[in-house]
mmCIF file of all heavy atoms, coordinates in Angstrom:
data_MODEL
# 
_entry.id   MODEL 
# 
loop_
_atom_site.group_PDB 
_atom_site.id 
_atom_site.type_symbol 
_atom_site.label_atom_id 
_atom_site.label_alt_id 
_atom_site.label_comp_id 
_atom_site.label_asym_id 
_atom_site.label_entity_id 
_atom_site.label_seq_id 
_atom_site.pdbx_PDB_ins_code 
_atom_site.Cartn_x 
_atom_site.Cartn_y 
_atom_site.Cartn_z 
_atom_site.occupancy 
_atom_site.B_iso_or_equiv 
_atom_site.pdbx_formal_charge 
_atom_site.auth_seq_id 
_atom_site.auth_comp_id 
_atom_site.auth_asym_id 
_atom_site.auth_atom_id 
_atom_site.pdbx_PDB_model_num 
ATOM 1   N N   . TYR A 1 1  ? 110.028 149.936 44.146 1.00 0.00 ? 1  TYR A N   1 
ATOM 2   C CA  . TYR A 1 1  ? 110.833 150.849 43.348 1.00 0.00 ? 1  TYR A CA  1 
ATOM 3   C C   . TYR A 1 1  ? 111.571 150.094 42.244 1.00 0.00 ? 1  TYR A C   1 
ATOM 4   O O   . TYR A 1 1  ? 112.162 149.041 42.491 1.00 0.00 ? 1  TYR A O   1 
ATOM 5   C CB  . TYR A 1 1  ? 111.863 151.554 44.228 1.00 0.00 ? 1  TYR A CB  1 
ATOM 6   C CG  . TYR A 1 1  ? 111.283 152.445 45.286 1.00 0.00 ? 1  TYR A CG  1 
ATOM 7   C CD1 . TYR A 1 1  ? 111.008 151.964 46.558 1.00 0.00 ? 1  TYR A CD1 1 
ATOM 8   C CD2 . TYR A 1 1  ? 110.998 153.785 45.009 1.00 0.00 ? 1  TYR A CD2 1 
ATOM 9   C CE1 . TYR A 1 1  ? 110.469 152.783 47.536 1.00 0.00 ? 1  TYR A CE1 1 
ATOM 10  C CE2 . TYR A 1 1  ? 110.471 154.611 45.987 1.00 0.00 ? 1  TYR A CE2 1 
ATOM 11  C CZ  . TYR A 1 1  ? 110.198 154.096 47.245 1.00 0.00 ? 1  TYR A CZ  1 
ATOM 12  O OH  . TYR A 1 1  ? 109.670 154.924 48.208 1.00 0.00 ? 1  TYR A OH  1 
ATOM 13  N N   . CYS A 1 2  ? 111.555 150.680 41.076 1.00 0.00 ? 2  CYS A N   1 
ATOM 14  C CA  . CYS A 1 2  ? 112.342 150.188 39.958 1.00 0.00 ? 2  CYS A CA  1 
ATOM 15  C C   . CYS A 1 2  ? 113.732 150.826 40.035 1.00 0.00 ? 2  CYS A C   1 
ATOM 16  O O   . CYS A 1 2  ? 113.863 151.996 40.442 1.00 0.00 ? 2  CYS A O   1 
ATOM 17  C CB  . CYS A 1 2  ? 111.631 150.578 38.666 1.00 0.00 ? 2  CYS A CB  1 
ATOM 18  S SG  . CYS A 1 2  ? 112.466 150.122 37.158 1.00 0.00 ? 2  CYS A SG  1 
ATOM 19  N N   . ALA A 1 3  ? 114.750 150.075 39.629 1.00 0.00 ? 3  ALA A N   1 
ATOM 20  C CA  . ALA A 1 3  ? 116.123 150.566 39.696 1.00 0.00 ? 3  ALA A CA  1 
ATOM 21  C C   . ALA A 1 3  ? 116.890 150.164 38.455 1.00 0.00 ? 3  ALA A C   1 
ATOM 22  O O   . ALA A 1 3  ? 116.642 149.098 37.886 1.00 0.00 ? 3  ALA A O   1 
ATOM 23  C CB  . ALA A 1 3  ? 116.821 150.009 40.938 1.00 0.00 ? 3  ALA A CB  1 
ATOM 24  N N   . ALA A 1 4  ? 117.843 151.016 38.058 1.00 0.00 ? 4  ALA A N   1 
ATOM 25  C CA  . ALA A 1 4  ? 118.710 150.736 36.911 1.00 0.00 ? 4  ALA A CA  1 
ATOM 26  C C   . ALA A 1 4  ? 120.164 150.857 37.343 1.00 0.00 ? 4  ALA A C   1 
ATOM 27  O O   . ALA A 1 4  ? 120.520 151.740 38.131 1.00 0.00 ? 4  ALA A O   1 
ATOM 28  C CB  . ALA A 1 4  ? 118.416 151.692 35.770 1.00 0.00 ? 4  ALA A CB  1 
ATOM 29  N N   . ASP A 1 5  ? 120.988 149.976 36.804 1.00 0.00 ? 5  ASP A N   1 
ATOM 30  C CA  . ASP A 1 5  ? 122.401 149.926 37.184 1.00 0.00 ? 5  ASP A CA  1 
ATOM 31  C C   . ASP A 1 5  ? 123.242 149.768 35.930 1.00 0.00 ? 5  ASP A C   1 
ATOM 32  O O   . ASP A 1 5  ? 122.946 148.929 35.078 1.00 0.00 ? 5  ASP A O   1 
ATOM 33  C CB  . ASP A 1 5  ? 122.633 148.757 38.136 1.00 0.00 ? 5  ASP A CB  1 
ATOM 34  C CG  . ASP A 1 5  ? 124.068 148.643 38.601 1.00 0.00 ? 5  ASP A CG  1 
ATOM 35  O OD1 . ASP A 1 5  ? 124.835 149.600 38.425 1.00 0.00 ? 5  ASP A OD1 1 
ATOM 36  O OD2 . ASP A 1 5  ? 124.413 147.590 39.168 1.00 0.00 ? 5  ASP A OD2 1 
ATOM 37  N N   . ARG A 1 6  ? 124.322 150.537 35.823 1.00 0.00 ? 6  ARG A N   1 
ATOM 38  C CA  . ARG A 1 6  ? 125.195 150.452 34.655 1.00 0.00 ? 6  ARG A CA  1 
ATOM 39  C C   . ARG A 1 6  ? 125.945 149.125 34.565 1.00 0.00 ? 6  ARG A C   1 
ATOM 40  O O   . ARG A 1 6  ? 126.439 148.767 33.490 1.00 0.00 ? 6  ARG A O   1 
ATOM 41  C CB  . ARG A 1 6  ? 126.193 151.605 34.675 1.00 0.00 ? 6  ARG A CB  1 
ATOM 42  C CG  . ARG A 1 6  ? 125.577 152.973 34.454 1.00 0.00 ? 6  ARG A CG  1 
ATOM 43  C CD  . ARG A 1 6  ? 126.662 154.019 34.303 1.00 0.00 ? 6  ARG A CD  1 
ATOM 44  N NE  . ARG A 1 6  ? 126.127 155.371 34.258 1.00 0.00 ? 6  ARG A NE  1 
ATOM 45  C CZ  . ARG A 1 6  ? 125.980 156.144 35.328 1.00 0.00 ? 6  ARG A CZ  1 
ATOM 46  N NH1 . ARG A 1 6  ? 126.339 155.705 36.512 1.00 0.00 ? 6  ARG A NH1 1 
ATOM 47  N NH2 . ARG A 1 6  ? 125.485 157.363 35.209 1.00 0.00 ? 6  ARG A NH2 1 
ATOM 48  N N   . ASP A 1 7  ? 126.068 148.425 35.689 1.00 0.00 ? 7  ASP A N   1 
ATOM 49  C CA  . ASP A 1 7  ? 126.659 147.085 35.658 1.00 0.00 ? 7  ASP A CA  1 
ATOM 50  C C   . ASP A 1 7  ? 125.632 146.154 35.029 1.00 0.00 ? 7  ASP A C   1 
ATOM 51  O O   . ASP A 1 7  ? 124.704 145.700 35.700 1.00 0.00 ? 7  ASP A O   1 
ATOM 52  C CB  . ASP A 1 7  ? 127.019 146.623 37.072 1.00 0.00 ? 7  ASP A CB  1 
ATOM 53  C CG  . ASP A 1 7  ? 127.548 145.198 37.099 1.00 0.00 ? 7  ASP A CG  1 
ATOM 54  O OD1 . ASP A 1 7  ? 127.652 144.561 36.023 1.00 0.00 ? 7  ASP A OD1 1 
ATOM 55  O OD2 . ASP A 1 7  ? 127.851 144.709 38.199 1.00 0.00 ? 7  ASP A OD2 1 
ATOM 56  N N   . ARG A 1 8  ? 125.821 145.853 33.769 1.00 0.00 ? 8  ARG A N   1 
ATOM 57  C CA  . ARG A 1 8  ? 124.806 145.146 33.011 1.00 0.00 ? 8  ARG A CA  1 
ATOM 58  C C   . ARG A 1 8  ? 124.597 143.707 33.473 1.00 0.00 ? 8  ARG A C   1 
ATOM 59  O O   . ARG A 1 8  ? 123.600 143.078 33.125 1.00 0.00 ? 8  ARG A O   1 
ATOM 60  C CB  . ARG A 1 8  ? 125.156 145.164 31.530 1.00 0.00 ? 8  ARG A CB  1 
ATOM 61  C CG  . ARG A 1 8  ? 125.231 146.577 30.957 1.00 0.00 ? 8  ARG A CG  1 
ATOM 62  C CD  . ARG A 1 8  ? 125.851 146.565 29.570 1.00 0.00 ? 8  ARG A CD  1 
ATOM 63  N NE  . ARG A 1 8  ? 124.900 146.123 28.571 1.00 0.00 ? 8  ARG A NE  1 
ATOM 64  C CZ  . ARG A 1 8  ? 125.248 145.811 27.321 1.00 0.00 ? 8  ARG A CZ  1 
ATOM 65  N NH1 . ARG A 1 8  ? 126.515 145.863 26.956 1.00 0.00 ? 8  ARG A NH1 1 
ATOM 66  N NH2 . ARG A 1 8  ? 124.332 145.442 26.452 1.00 0.00 ? 8  ARG A NH2 1 
ATOM 67  N N   . SER A 1 9  ? 125.537 143.184 34.266 1.00 0.00 ? 9  SER A N   1 
ATOM 68  C CA  . SER A 1 9  ? 125.426 141.789 34.711 1.00 0.00 ? 9  SER A CA  1 
ATOM 69  C C   . SER A 1 9  ? 124.349 141.599 35.770 1.00 0.00 ? 9  SER A C   1 
ATOM 70  O O   . SER A 1 9  ? 123.901 140.485 35.991 1.00 0.00 ? 9  SER A O   1 
ATOM 71  C CB  . SER A 1 9  ? 126.764 141.325 35.282 1.00 0.00 ? 9  SER A CB  1 
ATOM 72  O OG  . SER A 1 9  ? 127.006 141.944 36.535 1.00 0.00 ? 9  SER A OG  1 
ATOM 73  N N   . ALA A 1 10 ? 123.967 142.670 36.464 1.00 0.00 ? 10 ALA A N   1 
ATOM 74  C CA  . ALA A 1 10 ? 122.983 142.646 37.554 1.00 0.00 ? 10 ALA A CA  1 
ATOM 75  C C   . ALA A 1 10 ? 123.568 142.138 38.864 1.00 0.00 ? 10 ALA A C   1 
ATOM 76  O O   . ALA A 1 10 ? 122.878 142.144 39.883 1.00 0.00 ? 10 ALA A O   1 
ATOM 77  C CB  . ALA A 1 10 ? 121.725 141.856 37.222 1.00 0.00 ? 10 ALA A CB  1 
ATOM 78  N N   . THR A 1 11 ? 124.818 141.714 38.889 1.00 0.00 ? 11 THR A N   1 
ATOM 79  C CA  . THR A 1 11 ? 125.391 141.203 40.131 1.00 0.00 ? 11 THR A CA  1 
ATOM 80  C C   . THR A 1 11 ? 125.512 142.309 41.179 1.00 0.00 ? 11 THR A C   1 
ATOM 81  O O   . THR A 1 11 ? 125.432 142.033 42.385 1.00 0.00 ? 11 THR A O   1 
ATOM 82  C CB  . THR A 1 11 ? 126.757 140.556 39.885 1.00 0.00 ? 11 THR A CB  1 
ATOM 83  O OG1 . THR A 1 11 ? 127.605 141.509 39.218 1.00 0.00 ? 11 THR A OG1 1 
ATOM 84  C CG2 . THR A 1 11 ? 126.621 139.323 39.008 1.00 0.00 ? 11 THR A CG2 1 
ATOM 85  N N   . SER A 1 12 ? 125.704 143.551 40.760 1.00 0.00 ? 12 SER A N   1 
ATOM 86  C CA  . SER A 1 12 ? 125.806 144.642 41.730 1.00 0.00 ? 12 SER A CA  1 
ATOM 87  C C   . SER A 1 12 ? 124.475 144.949 42.392 1.00 0.00 ? 12 SER A C   1 
ATOM 88  O O   . SER A 1 12 ? 124.433 145.479 43.497 1.00 0.00 ? 12 SER A O   1 
ATOM 89  C CB  . SER A 1 12 ? 126.334 145.906 41.051 1.00 0.00 ? 12 SER A CB  1 
ATOM 90  O OG  . SER A 1 12 ? 127.646 145.717 40.576 1.00 0.00 ? 12 SER A OG  1 
ATOM 91  N N   . LEU A 1 13 ? 123.385 144.650 41.705 1.00 0.00 ? 13 LEU A N   1 
ATOM 92  C CA  . LEU A 1 13 ? 122.061 144.898 42.271 1.00 0.00 ? 13 LEU A CA  1 
ATOM 93  C C   . LEU A 1 13 ? 121.650 143.815 43.249 1.00 0.00 ? 13 LEU A C   1 
ATOM 94  O O   . LEU A 1 13 ? 120.860 144.070 44.166 1.00 0.00 ? 13 LEU A O   1 
ATOM 95  C CB  . LEU A 1 13 ? 121.011 144.965 41.161 1.00 0.00 ? 13 LEU A CB  1 
ATOM 96  C CG  . LEU A 1 13 ? 120.999 146.212 40.283 1.00 0.00 ? 13 LEU A CG  1 
ATOM 97  C CD1 . LEU A 1 13 ? 119.981 146.042 39.170 1.00 0.00 ? 13 LEU A CD1 1 
ATOM 98  C CD2 . LEU A 1 13 ? 120.692 147.449 41.097 1.00 0.00 ? 13 LEU A CD2 1 
ATOM 99  N N   . TYR A 1 14 ? 122.182 142.619 43.062 1.00 0.00 ? 14 TYR A N   1 
ATOM 100 C CA  . TYR A 1 14 ? 121.745 141.473 43.843 1.00 0.00 ? 14 TYR A CA  1 
ATOM 101 C C   . TYR A 1 14 ? 122.004 141.694 45.326 1.00 0.00 ? 14 TYR A C   1 
ATOM 102 O O   . TYR A 1 14 ? 123.146 141.730 45.777 1.00 0.00 ? 14 TYR A O   1 
ATOM 103 C CB  . TYR A 1 14 ? 122.454 140.218 43.355 1.00 0.00 ? 14 TYR A CB  1 
ATOM 104 C CG  . TYR A 1 14 ? 122.064 138.935 44.051 1.00 0.00 ? 14 TYR A CG  1 
ATOM 105 C CD1 . TYR A 1 14 ? 120.785 138.742 44.536 1.00 0.00 ? 14 TYR A CD1 1 
ATOM 106 C CD2 . TYR A 1 14 ? 122.980 137.909 44.221 1.00 0.00 ? 14 TYR A CD2 1 
ATOM 107 C CE1 . TYR A 1 14 ? 120.426 137.558 45.165 1.00 0.00 ? 14 TYR A CE1 1 
ATOM 108 C CE2 . TYR A 1 14 ? 122.636 136.727 44.836 1.00 0.00 ? 14 TYR A CE2 1 
ATOM 109 C CZ  . TYR A 1 14 ? 121.352 136.556 45.310 1.00 0.00 ? 14 TYR A CZ  1 
ATOM 110 O OH  . TYR A 1 14 ? 121.016 135.380 45.923 1.00 0.00 ? 14 TYR A OH  1 
ATOM 111 N N   . GLY A 1 15 ? 120.901 141.898 46.065 1.00 0.00 ? 15 GLY A N   1 
ATOM 112 C CA  . GLY A 1 15 ? 120.992 142.023 47.503 1.00 0.00 ? 15 GLY A CA  1 
ATOM 113 C C   . GLY A 1 15 ? 121.400 143.385 48.022 1.00 0.00 ? 15 GLY A C   1 
ATOM 114 O O   . GLY A 1 15 ? 121.479 143.588 49.232 1.00 0.00 ? 15 GLY A O   1 
ATOM 115 N N   . SER A 1 16 ? 121.626 144.366 47.144 1.00 0.00 ? 16 SER A N   1 
ATOM 116 C CA  . SER A 1 16 ? 122.117 145.659 47.602 1.00 0.00 ? 16 SER A CA  1 
ATOM 117 C C   . SER A 1 16 ? 121.606 146.794 46.746 1.00 0.00 ? 16 SER A C   1 
ATOM 118 O O   . SER A 1 16 ? 121.522 146.670 45.534 1.00 0.00 ? 16 SER A O   1 
ATOM 119 C CB  . SER A 1 16 ? 123.644 145.666 47.582 1.00 0.00 ? 16 SER A CB  1 
ATOM 120 O OG  . SER A 1 16 ? 124.140 146.961 47.881 1.00 0.00 ? 16 SER A OG  1 
ATOM 121 N N   . SER A 1 17 ? 121.287 147.912 47.415 1.00 0.00 ? 17 SER A N   1 
ATOM 122 C CA  . SER A 1 17 ? 120.858 149.100 46.680 1.00 0.00 ? 17 SER A CA  1 
ATOM 123 C C   . SER A 1 17 ? 121.998 150.112 46.514 1.00 0.00 ? 17 SER A C   1 
ATOM 124 O O   . SER A 1 17 ? 121.801 151.169 45.936 1.00 0.00 ? 17 SER A O   1 
ATOM 125 C CB  . SER A 1 17 ? 119.700 149.774 47.409 1.00 0.00 ? 17 SER A CB  1 
ATOM 126 O OG  . SER A 1 17 ? 120.112 150.203 48.698 1.00 0.00 ? 17 SER A OG  1 
ATOM 127 N N   . SER A 1 18 ? 123.182 149.786 47.009 1.00 0.00 ? 18 SER A N   1 
ATOM 128 C CA  . SER A 1 18 ? 124.269 150.764 47.034 1.00 0.00 ? 18 SER A CA  1 
ATOM 129 C C   . SER A 1 18 ? 124.796 151.122 45.657 1.00 0.00 ? 18 SER A C   1 
ATOM 130 O O   . SER A 1 18 ? 125.394 152.175 45.484 1.00 0.00 ? 18 SER A O   1 
ATOM 131 C CB  . SER A 1 18 ? 125.420 150.246 47.906 1.00 0.00 ? 18 SER A CB  1 
ATOM 132 O OG  . SER A 1 18 ? 125.976 149.068 47.335 1.00 0.00 ? 18 SER A OG  1 
ATOM 133 N N   . GLN A 1 19 ? 124.602 150.240 44.670 1.00 0.00 ? 19 GLN A N   1 
ATOM 134 C CA  . GLN A 1 19 ? 125.135 150.479 43.333 1.00 0.00 ? 19 GLN A CA  1 
ATOM 135 C C   . GLN A 1 19 ? 124.093 150.978 42.347 1.00 0.00 ? 19 GLN A C   1 
ATOM 136 O O   . GLN A 1 19 ? 124.389 151.108 41.172 1.00 0.00 ? 19 GLN A O   1 
ATOM 137 C CB  . GLN A 1 19 ? 125.768 149.189 42.791 1.00 0.00 ? 19 GLN A CB  1 
ATOM 138 C CG  . GLN A 1 19 ? 126.914 148.667 43.627 1.00 0.00 ? 19 GLN A CG  1 
ATOM 139 C CD  . GLN A 1 19 ? 128.048 149.669 43.731 1.00 0.00 ? 19 GLN A CD  1 
ATOM 140 O OE1 . GLN A 1 19 ? 128.451 150.269 42.743 1.00 0.00 ? 19 GLN A OE1 1 
ATOM 141 N NE2 . GLN A 1 19 ? 128.537 149.863 44.937 1.00 0.00 ? 19 GLN A NE2 1 
ATOM 142 N N   . VAL A 1 20 ? 122.886 151.232 42.830 1.00 0.00 ? 20 VAL A N   1 
ATOM 143 C CA  . VAL A 1 20 ? 121.826 151.702 41.931 1.00 0.00 ? 20 VAL A CA  1 
ATOM 144 C C   . VAL A 1 20 ? 122.183 153.075 41.396 1.00 0.00 ? 20 VAL A C   1 
ATOM 145 O O   . VAL A 1 20 ? 122.526 153.989 42.152 1.00 0.00 ? 20 VAL A O   1 
ATOM 146 C CB  . VAL A 1 20 ? 120.473 151.750 42.661 1.00 0.00 ? 20 VAL A CB  1 
ATOM 147 C CG1 . VAL A 1 20 ? 119.430 152.424 41.788 1.00 0.00 ? 20 VAL A CG1 1 
ATOM 148 C CG2 . VAL A 1 20 ? 120.035 150.342 43.038 1.00 0.00 ? 20 VAL A CG2 1 
ATOM 149 N N   . ASP A 1 21 ? 122.069 153.220 40.078 1.00 0.00 ? 21 ASP A N   1 
ATOM 150 C CA  . ASP A 1 21 ? 122.356 154.508 39.450 1.00 0.00 ? 21 ASP A CA  1 
ATOM 151 C C   . ASP A 1 21 ? 121.112 155.369 39.296 1.00 0.00 ? 21 ASP A C   1 
ATOM 152 O O   . ASP A 1 21 ? 121.197 156.597 39.375 1.00 0.00 ? 21 ASP A O   1 
ATOM 153 C CB  . ASP A 1 21 ? 122.988 154.278 38.075 1.00 0.00 ? 21 ASP A CB  1 
ATOM 154 C CG  . ASP A 1 21 ? 124.384 153.679 38.182 1.00 0.00 ? 21 ASP A CG  1 
ATOM 155 O OD1 . ASP A 1 21 ? 125.233 154.313 38.837 1.00 0.00 ? 21 ASP A OD1 1 
ATOM 156 O OD2 . ASP A 1 21 ? 124.628 152.596 37.625 1.00 0.00 ? 21 ASP A OD2 1 
ATOM 157 N N   . TYR A 1 22 ? 119.980 154.730 39.058 1.00 0.00 ? 22 TYR A N   1 
ATOM 158 C CA  . TYR A 1 22 ? 118.728 155.478 38.867 1.00 0.00 ? 22 TYR A CA  1 
ATOM 159 C C   . TYR A 1 22 ? 117.581 154.758 39.574 1.00 0.00 ? 22 TYR A C   1 
ATOM 160 O O   . TYR A 1 22 ? 117.510 153.529 39.553 1.00 0.00 ? 22 TYR A O   1 
ATOM 161 C CB  . TYR A 1 22 ? 118.403 155.611 37.375 1.00 0.00 ? 22 TYR A CB  1 
ATOM 162 C CG  . TYR A 1 22 ? 119.467 156.319 36.582 1.00 0.00 ? 22 TYR A CG  1 
ATOM 163 C CD1 . TYR A 1 22 ? 120.396 155.602 35.847 1.00 0.00 ? 22 TYR A CD1 1 
ATOM 164 C CD2 . TYR A 1 22 ? 119.555 157.713 36.597 1.00 0.00 ? 22 TYR A CD2 1 
ATOM 165 C CE1 . TYR A 1 22 ? 121.383 156.244 35.126 1.00 0.00 ? 22 TYR A CE1 1 
ATOM 166 C CE2 . TYR A 1 22 ? 120.542 158.361 35.879 1.00 0.00 ? 22 TYR A CE2 1 
ATOM 167 C CZ  . TYR A 1 22 ? 121.449 157.627 35.154 1.00 0.00 ? 22 TYR A CZ  1 
ATOM 168 O OH  . TYR A 1 22 ? 122.437 158.267 34.453 1.00 0.00 ? 22 TYR A OH  1 
ATOM 169 N N   . TRP A 1 23 ? 116.676 155.583 40.132 1.00 0.00 ? 23 TRP A N   1 
ATOM 170 C CA  . TRP A 1 23 ? 115.492 155.070 40.829 1.00 0.00 ? 23 TRP A CA  1 
ATOM 171 C C   . TRP A 1 23 ? 114.231 155.623 40.179 1.00 0.00 ? 23 TRP A C   1 
ATOM 172 O O   . TRP A 1 23 ? 114.214 156.756 39.702 1.00 0.00 ? 23 TRP A O   1 
ATOM 173 C CB  . TRP A 1 23 ? 115.479 155.510 42.289 1.00 0.00 ? 23 TRP A CB  1 
ATOM 174 C CG  . TRP A 1 23 ? 116.502 154.869 43.177 1.00 0.00 ? 23 TRP A CG  1 
ATOM 175 C CD1 . TRP A 1 23 ? 117.673 155.427 43.606 1.00 0.00 ? 23 TRP A CD1 1 
ATOM 176 C CD2 . TRP A 1 23 ? 116.438 153.573 43.775 1.00 0.00 ? 23 TRP A CD2 1 
ATOM 177 N NE1 . TRP A 1 23 ? 118.340 154.554 44.436 1.00 0.00 ? 23 TRP A NE1 1 
ATOM 178 C CE2 . TRP A 1 23 ? 117.598 153.404 44.551 1.00 0.00 ? 23 TRP A CE2 1 
ATOM 179 C CE3 . TRP A 1 23 ? 115.508 152.537 43.741 1.00 0.00 ? 23 TRP A CE3 1 
ATOM 180 C CZ2 . TRP A 1 23 ? 117.860 152.246 45.281 1.00 0.00 ? 23 TRP A CZ2 1 
ATOM 181 C CZ3 . TRP A 1 23 ? 115.772 151.380 44.461 1.00 0.00 ? 23 TRP A CZ3 1 
ATOM 182 C CH2 . TRP A 1 23 ? 116.938 151.247 45.213 1.00 0.00 ? 23 TRP A CH2 1 
ATOM 183 N N   . GLY A 1 24 ? 113.181 154.816 40.221 1.00 0.00 ? 24 GLY A N   1 
ATOM 184 C CA  . GLY A 1 24 ? 111.862 155.327 39.896 1.00 0.00 ? 24 GLY A CA  1 
ATOM 185 C C   . GLY A 1 24 ? 111.244 155.969 41.117 1.00 0.00 ? 24 GLY A C   1 
ATOM 186 O O   . GLY A 1 24 ? 111.834 155.997 42.207 1.00 0.00 ? 24 GLY A O   1 
ATOM 187 N N   . GLN A 1 25 ? 110.020 156.457 40.962 1.00 0.00 ? 25 GLN A N   1 
ATOM 188 C CA  . GLN A 1 25 ? 109.360 157.181 42.049 1.00 0.00 ? 25 GLN A CA  1 
ATOM 189 C C   . GLN A 1 25 ? 108.633 156.250 43.013 1.00 0.00 ? 25 GLN A C   1 
ATOM 190 O O   . GLN A 1 25 ? 108.260 156.667 44.103 1.00 0.00 ? 25 GLN A O   1 
ATOM 191 C CB  . GLN A 1 25 ? 108.372 158.215 41.485 1.00 0.00 ? 25 GLN A CB  1 
ATOM 192 C CG  . GLN A 1 25 ? 106.993 157.667 41.108 1.00 0.00 ? 25 GLN A CG  1 
ATOM 193 C CD  . GLN A 1 25 ? 106.990 156.805 39.866 1.00 0.00 ? 25 GLN A CD  1 
ATOM 194 O OE1 . GLN A 1 25 ? 107.983 156.695 39.141 1.00 0.00 ? 25 GLN A OE1 1 
ATOM 195 N NE2 . GLN A 1 25 ? 105.856 156.163 39.600 1.00 0.00 ? 25 GLN A NE2 1 
ATOM 196 N N   . GLY A 1 26 ? 108.427 155.009 42.600 1.00 0.00 ? 26 GLY A N   1 
ATOM 197 C CA  . GLY A 1 26 ? 107.782 154.019 43.454 1.00 0.00 ? 26 GLY A CA  1 
ATOM 198 C C   . GLY A 1 26 ? 106.301 153.861 43.154 1.00 0.00 ? 26 GLY A C   1 
ATOM 199 O O   . GLY A 1 26 ? 105.634 154.786 42.698 1.00 0.00 ? 26 GLY A O   1 
ATOM 200 N N   . THR A 1 27 ? 105.802 152.660 43.427 1.00 0.00 ? 27 THR A N   1 
ATOM 201 C CA  . THR A 1 27 ? 104.376 152.373 43.283 1.00 0.00 ? 27 THR A CA  1 
ATOM 202 C C   . THR A 1 27 ? 103.940 151.529 44.480 1.00 0.00 ? 27 THR A C   1 
ATOM 203 O O   . THR A 1 27 ? 104.631 150.599 44.888 1.00 0.00 ? 27 THR A O   1 
ATOM 204 C CB  . THR A 1 27 ? 104.079 151.659 41.955 1.00 0.00 ? 27 THR A CB  1 
ATOM 205 O OG1 . THR A 1 27 ? 102.660 151.503 41.794 1.00 0.00 ? 27 THR A OG1 1 
ATOM 206 C CG2 . THR A 1 27 ? 104.735 150.294 41.858 1.00 0.00 ? 27 THR A CG2 1 
# 
């Protein structure tokens, strides 16, 4: 799954999906 996060630093994404704002449908 692709994910996008408004925290542009990417630190919120590192190791966690809790801060993901948008998800793709998956491949």
